[in-house]
C-alpha cells in the first residue's frame, strides 16, 4: 500500500480528570510551549509507535488498550496522577503549525488513588480543580470548555451529547479570519493545497 498523506494523522489522547466532588482538573501551559502558550488545558499527548510495539501483542496481530495506556502515561507524566475508569468524551482534528493533522481523542477518567498530589512537568506551570462554572474564569484552549460541558451533562444525567460550539453573534470566521459565508469550493481547494500539498 502506498503512503497517502491525506490519510496520515498523529493520534493524541487528552484526559479530563474528574475528582469525587465532580471537579475537573485543568492545567496552564508554559509560555515556552509552541502551541497555545499560557492557555489552560487538560493533560494529554501523542501516541508513539514505541508505546505499543515493545510489548507483546494481545492477539496474533493486534495490540489492545493503546489509547487507555497512552492516557494513563500522559496523565502520570504531566500531572503525577494515576487514573482509572477511562471513558470517551469526543474527538476532533487539529492541524499543527507544521501542517500535520492530529486526531485528538478526548477522554475522561477518575484518579486511581485517594491521594491527589499534583506534580506538574515542565510543560505546565499551574493547575486548578474547577467546577464547570469556575472553568469560565480561565482562558482555556478553544473548545475545551465545551468538552467540559459534554462531560458535566453526562455525569449529571447519564446522557451523551455531541460537541457544539456556542455561536458568537456576527459573521462566522475560520482560523484564517475569512468569512465562512463567502468561502467557495475553489477557496477550499486552495486551503487544502496549502495544508497538504497537491494530491
Protein backbone atom coordinates (compact mmCIF):
# COMPACT_ATOMS: atom_id res chain seq x y z
CA UNK A 1 0.00 0.00 0.00
CA UNK A 2 1.32 3.41 -0.97
CA UNK A 3 1.82 6.10 1.70
CA UNK A 4 -1.11 8.54 1.44
CA UNK A 5 -0.55 11.83 3.27
CA UNK A 6 -4.28 12.52 3.00
CA UNK A 7 -4.89 9.64 5.43
CA UNK A 8 -1.98 10.08 7.84
CA UNK A 9 -2.53 11.80 11.21
CA UNK A 10 -0.83 12.00 14.55
CA UNK A 11 -3.00 10.40 17.23
CA UNK A 12 -3.36 12.28 20.53
CA UNK A 13 -5.28 11.47 23.69
CA UNK A 14 -6.39 14.14 26.15
CA UNK A 15 -7.89 13.37 29.54
CA UNK A 16 -10.33 15.32 31.67
CA UNK A 17 -9.66 14.08 35.20
CA UNK A 18 -12.71 14.31 37.48
CA UNK A 19 -12.43 14.11 41.28
CA UNK A 20 -15.02 12.72 43.72
CA UNK A 21 -16.57 16.18 44.08
CA UNK A 22 -17.17 16.37 40.32
CA UNK A 23 -14.46 18.97 39.73
CA UNK A 24 -12.30 19.00 36.60
CA UNK A 25 -8.50 19.20 36.61
CA UNK A 26 -7.18 21.92 34.32
CA UNK A 27 -3.55 23.00 33.92
CA UNK A 28 -1.85 26.05 32.45
CA UNK A 29 0.59 25.53 29.59
CA UNK A 30 4.03 27.09 29.90
CA UNK A 31 4.67 30.32 28.00
CA UNK A 32 7.53 28.40 26.33
CA UNK A 33 5.18 25.93 24.64
CA UNK A 34 4.97 26.33 20.86
CA UNK A 35 1.22 25.71 20.64
CA UNK A 36 -1.21 27.59 22.90
CA UNK A 37 1.38 29.13 25.26
CA UNK A 38 -0.08 30.26 28.59
CA UNK A 39 -3.54 28.83 27.95
CA UNK A 40 -5.34 26.38 30.23
CA UNK A 41 -5.82 22.80 29.07
CA UNK A 42 -6.13 19.20 30.24
CA UNK A 43 -3.35 16.57 30.26
CA UNK A 44 -2.60 14.71 27.05
CA UNK A 45 -0.06 13.75 24.42
CA UNK A 46 0.75 11.96 21.18
CA UNK A 47 0.80 8.22 20.56
CA UNK A 48 4.21 6.86 19.56
CA UNK A 49 4.93 3.50 17.95
CA UNK A 50 7.10 2.51 20.91
CA UNK A 51 4.07 2.95 23.21
CA UNK A 52 2.85 -0.43 21.98
CA UNK A 53 5.45 -2.02 19.69
CA UNK A 54 7.80 -3.05 22.51
CA UNK A 55 5.14 -5.04 24.34
CA UNK A 56 3.68 -8.41 23.44
CA UNK A 57 0.67 -8.35 21.10
CA UNK A 58 -2.67 -9.14 22.71
CA UNK A 59 -3.74 -11.28 19.75
CA UNK A 60 -1.66 -12.69 16.93
CA UNK A 61 -1.86 -9.36 15.09
CA UNK A 62 -3.21 -6.66 17.49
CA UNK A 63 -2.35 -4.55 20.50
CA UNK A 64 -5.36 -3.55 22.62
CA UNK A 65 -5.94 -0.72 25.13
CA UNK A 66 -3.50 1.52 23.27
CA UNK A 67 -5.41 4.77 23.95
CA UNK A 68 -6.05 3.79 27.55
CA UNK A 69 -2.34 3.13 28.12
CA UNK A 70 -1.47 6.41 26.40
CA UNK A 71 -3.95 8.30 28.60
CA UNK A 72 -2.53 6.74 31.78
CA UNK A 73 1.04 7.53 30.75
CA UNK A 74 0.34 11.15 29.79
CA UNK A 75 -1.64 11.99 32.93
CA UNK A 76 1.07 10.43 35.11
CA UNK A 77 3.84 12.28 33.24
CA UNK A 78 2.14 15.67 33.11
CA UNK A 79 0.35 15.92 36.48
CA UNK A 80 1.60 12.95 38.51
CA UNK A 81 -1.75 11.18 38.90
CA UNK A 82 -2.67 7.57 38.25
CA UNK A 83 -6.13 7.22 36.70
CA UNK A 84 -8.90 4.62 36.31
CA UNK A 85 -12.30 4.19 34.63
CA UNK A 86 -11.27 5.81 31.35
CA UNK A 87 -14.17 6.73 29.05
CA UNK A 88 -14.79 8.61 25.80
CA UNK A 89 -15.91 12.26 25.60
CA UNK A 90 -15.47 13.42 21.98
CA UNK A 91 -12.97 13.68 19.12
CA UNK A 92 -11.52 16.44 16.98
CA UNK A 93 -8.78 17.20 14.48
CA UNK A 94 -6.22 19.96 14.95
CA UNK A 95 -3.86 20.96 12.13
CA UNK A 96 -0.50 21.80 13.67
CA UNK A 97 1.72 24.70 12.59
CA UNK A 98 3.80 22.21 10.55
CA UNK A 99 0.58 21.31 8.65
CA UNK A 100 0.42 17.79 10.12
CA UNK A 101 -3.13 16.97 11.23
CA UNK A 102 -3.60 15.45 14.67
CA UNK A 103 -6.62 13.32 15.54
CA UNK A 104 -7.39 14.08 19.19
CA UNK A 105 -9.49 11.70 21.25
CA UNK A 106 -10.86 13.41 24.34
CA UNK A 107 -11.31 11.02 27.27
CA UNK A 108 -12.22 11.34 30.93
CA UNK A 109 -11.12 9.41 33.99
CA UNK A 110 -11.04 9.38 37.77
CA UNK A 111 -7.95 9.48 39.99
CA UNK A 112 -6.98 5.89 40.87
CA UNK A 113 -5.99 6.52 44.48
CA UNK A 114 -7.12 8.54 47.46
CA UNK A 115 -4.14 10.88 47.21
CA UNK A 116 -4.36 13.61 44.62
CA UNK A 117 -0.96 15.25 44.94
CA UNK A 118 -0.32 17.05 41.67
CA UNK A 119 3.24 17.10 40.32
CA UNK A 120 3.45 19.19 37.15
CA UNK A 121 6.02 18.51 34.45
CA UNK A 122 7.95 21.35 32.78
CA UNK A 123 5.31 21.92 30.07
CA UNK A 124 2.78 23.09 32.71
CA UNK A 125 3.04 25.92 35.24
CA UNK A 126 -0.14 25.79 37.34
CA UNK A 127 -3.25 23.70 37.96
CA UNK A 128 -6.74 24.06 39.40
CA UNK A 129 -9.64 21.75 40.27
CA UNK A 130 -12.70 23.60 38.94
CA UNK A 131 -16.43 23.23 38.52
CA UNK A 132 -17.97 23.91 35.13
CA UNK A 133 -18.99 27.38 36.30
CA UNK A 134 -15.50 28.13 37.66
CA UNK A 135 -13.90 26.98 34.38
CA UNK A 136 -15.41 30.07 32.71
CA UNK A 137 -12.88 32.19 34.61
CA UNK A 138 -9.87 30.58 32.91
CA UNK A 139 -8.53 31.16 29.42
CA UNK A 140 -8.95 27.63 28.11
CA UNK A 141 -7.80 26.43 24.71
CA UNK A 142 -10.74 26.97 22.37
CA UNK A 143 -13.20 24.07 22.53
CA UNK A 144 -12.18 22.64 25.90
CA UNK A 145 -14.97 24.39 27.80
CA UNK A 146 -17.50 22.69 25.53
CA UNK A 147 -15.79 19.35 26.24
CA UNK A 148 -16.25 20.04 29.96
CA UNK A 149 -19.93 20.79 29.28
CA UNK A 150 -20.38 17.46 27.49
CA UNK A 151 -18.83 15.60 30.39
CA UNK A 152 -20.70 17.60 33.04
CA UNK A 153 -24.01 16.72 31.38
CA UNK A 154 -23.03 13.05 31.11
CA UNK A 155 -22.07 12.89 34.78
CA UNK A 156 -25.31 14.60 35.88
CA UNK A 157 -27.81 12.95 33.52
CA UNK A 158 -26.08 9.89 32.08
CA UNK A 159 -26.79 11.24 28.58
CA UNK A 160 -24.16 11.61 25.88
CA UNK A 161 -24.11 14.65 23.65
CA UNK A 162 -22.06 15.81 20.70
CA UNK A 163 -19.68 18.74 20.84
CA UNK A 164 -21.27 22.03 19.76
CA UNK A 165 -19.69 25.45 19.61
CA UNK A 166 -21.55 28.32 21.20
CA UNK A 167 -22.03 30.68 18.28
CA UNK A 168 -20.95 34.28 18.61
CA UNK A 169 -23.14 36.88 17.03
CA UNK A 170 -21.96 38.24 13.74
CA UNK A 171 -20.05 36.71 10.87
CA UNK A 172 -18.65 33.23 11.34
CA UNK A 173 -14.94 33.15 10.55
CA UNK A 174 -12.37 30.40 10.12
CA UNK A 175 -8.84 30.24 11.60
CA UNK A 176 -7.57 32.48 8.81
CA UNK A 177 -10.16 35.21 9.59
CA UNK A 178 -12.07 34.51 6.37
CA UNK A 179 -15.84 34.67 6.38
CA UNK A 180 -17.24 31.14 6.13
CA UNK A 181 -20.33 32.51 4.42
CA UNK A 182 -18.25 33.77 1.49
CA UNK A 183 -15.97 30.78 1.05
CA UNK A 184 -16.22 28.94 -2.27
CA UNK A 185 -15.19 25.46 -3.38
CA UNK A 186 -12.21 26.99 -5.19
CA UNK A 187 -11.05 28.66 -1.96
CA UNK A 188 -11.45 25.38 -0.05
CA UNK A 189 -9.31 23.62 -2.67
CA UNK A 190 -6.62 26.30 -2.29
CA UNK A 191 -6.66 25.84 1.51
CA UNK A 192 -6.36 22.06 1.14
CA UNK A 193 -3.32 22.54 -1.09
CA UNK A 194 -1.76 24.96 1.46
CA UNK A 195 -2.23 22.41 4.22
CA UNK A 196 -1.49 19.15 2.45
CA UNK A 197 0.09 20.00 -0.90
CA UNK A 198 -1.30 18.67 -4.15
CA UNK A 199 -2.75 15.16 -4.10
